[in-house]
Protein backbone atom coordinates (compact mmCIF):
# COMPACT_ATOMS: atom_id res chain seq x y z
CA UNK A 1 -13.82 -4.65 14.28
CA UNK A 2 -12.91 -7.39 11.80
CA UNK A 3 -12.17 -6.58 8.16
CA UNK A 4 -15.29 -8.36 6.78
CA UNK A 5 -17.44 -6.43 9.26
CA UNK A 6 -15.90 -3.13 8.15
CA UNK A 7 -16.43 -4.09 4.50
CA UNK A 8 -20.12 -4.86 5.12
CA UNK A 9 -20.64 -1.73 7.19
CA UNK A 10 -18.88 0.50 4.67
CA UNK A 11 -20.70 -0.92 1.66
CA UNK A 12 -24.05 -0.47 3.45
CA UNK A 13 -23.00 3.11 4.21
CA UNK A 14 -22.19 3.72 0.53
CA UNK A 15 -25.47 2.24 -0.65
CA UNK A 16 -27.61 4.31 1.70
CA UNK A 17 -25.78 7.64 1.49
CA UNK A 18 -27.24 10.56 -0.38
CA UNK A 19 -24.12 12.70 -0.40
CA UNK A 20 -20.34 12.48 -0.06
CA UNK A 21 -19.02 9.53 1.93
CA UNK A 22 -16.02 9.50 4.23
CA UNK A 23 -14.59 7.31 6.95
CA UNK A 24 -15.29 10.10 9.44
CA UNK A 25 -18.86 10.32 8.13
CA UNK A 26 -19.35 6.61 8.74
CA UNK A 27 -17.93 6.97 12.24
CA UNK A 28 -20.35 9.78 13.00
CA UNK A 29 -23.27 7.82 11.58
CA UNK A 30 -22.68 4.99 14.06
CA UNK A 31 -22.25 7.46 16.97
CA UNK A 32 -18.50 6.83 17.04
CA UNK A 33 -19.00 3.13 17.89
CA UNK A 34 -16.19 2.60 15.38
CA UNK A 35 -13.43 5.14 14.86
CA UNK A 36 -12.62 6.41 11.39
CA UNK A 37 -9.05 5.06 11.77
CA UNK A 38 -9.80 1.34 11.24
CA UNK A 39 -12.06 2.25 8.32
CA UNK A 40 -9.31 4.36 6.75
CA UNK A 41 -6.75 1.57 7.28
CA UNK A 42 -9.12 -0.97 5.75
CA UNK A 43 -9.79 1.20 2.70
CA UNK A 44 -6.08 1.90 2.17
CA UNK A 45 -5.11 -1.81 2.19
CA UNK A 46 -5.94 -2.25 -1.50
CA UNK A 47 -7.80 -0.81 -4.45
CA UNK A 48 -11.32 -2.17 -4.25
CA UNK A 49 -12.93 -2.96 -7.58
CA UNK A 50 -16.10 -4.57 -8.84
CA UNK A 51 -14.28 -7.91 -8.71
CA UNK A 52 -13.96 -7.75 -4.90
CA UNK A 53 -17.59 -6.69 -4.53
CA UNK A 54 -18.64 -9.49 -6.86
CA UNK A 55 -16.94 -12.07 -4.64
CA UNK A 56 -18.86 -10.80 -1.64
CA UNK A 57 -22.31 -10.62 -3.23
CA UNK A 58 -22.15 -13.65 -5.55
CA UNK A 59 -23.85 -16.04 -3.10
CA UNK A 60 -26.73 -13.64 -2.44
CA UNK A 61 -27.19 -12.91 -6.14
CA UNK A 62 -27.36 -16.64 -6.88
CA UNK A 63 -30.09 -17.03 -4.24
CA UNK A 64 -32.32 -14.33 -5.74
CA UNK A 65 -31.37 -14.39 -9.41
CA UNK A 66 -33.92 -14.64 -12.18
CA UNK A 67 -36.63 -17.20 -11.36
CA UNK A 68 -40.21 -18.10 -12.23
CA UNK A 69 -43.01 -16.03 -10.68
CA UNK A 70 -46.62 -15.17 -11.44
CA UNK A 71 -47.03 -11.90 -13.35
CA UNK A 72 -50.49 -10.41 -12.83
CA UNK A 73 -50.09 -8.09 -15.83
CA UNK A 74 -49.95 -11.01 -18.26
CA UNK A 75 -51.86 -13.52 -16.09
CA UNK A 76 -49.25 -16.26 -16.30
CA UNK A 77 -45.93 -17.39 -14.87
CA UNK A 78 -42.89 -15.71 -16.35
CA UNK A 79 -39.15 -15.99 -15.82
CA UNK A 80 -37.58 -12.80 -14.51
CA UNK A 81 -37.10 -10.64 -11.46
CA UNK A 82 -40.15 -10.39 -9.24
CA UNK A 83 -40.13 -6.66 -8.50
CA UNK A 84 -43.14 -4.59 -7.54
CA UNK A 85 -42.87 -0.82 -7.97
CA UNK A 86 -45.18 1.70 -6.37
CA UNK A 87 -45.34 5.00 -8.24
CA UNK A 88 -47.43 8.07 -7.40
CA UNK A 89 -48.64 9.78 -10.56
CA UNK A 90 -50.47 13.12 -10.72
CA UNK A 91 -50.62 15.94 -13.25
CA UNK A 92 -47.97 14.45 -15.56
CA UNK A 93 -45.56 13.90 -12.67
CA UNK A 94 -44.56 10.50 -11.34
CA UNK A 95 -42.64 9.85 -8.14
CA UNK A 96 -41.32 6.49 -6.99
CA UNK A 97 -42.82 5.71 -3.60
CA UNK A 98 -41.64 2.18 -2.84
CA UNK A 99 -40.54 -1.11 -4.31
CA UNK A 100 -40.54 -4.70 -3.13
């Protein structure tokens, strides 16, 4: 597997994990389609920082960054992030259900 593919796969794994993350855990998640060895080698090549992540996501962020959209709460177009949250609220308890 190529380095960019491992980077994408590993970052997706980090984003979606609810617990500790390991190269072996990633390998198990993909039914051993990729061994933990190439993941470990990839991660030991360098110290990954926000700068490296920023380089990877910059293009996507630029495509979806703050823009004009219609806000139904204020009945006009506003500049911002068009995010819809769905929250279940009952008896003084609120739980996030979804977002889009």
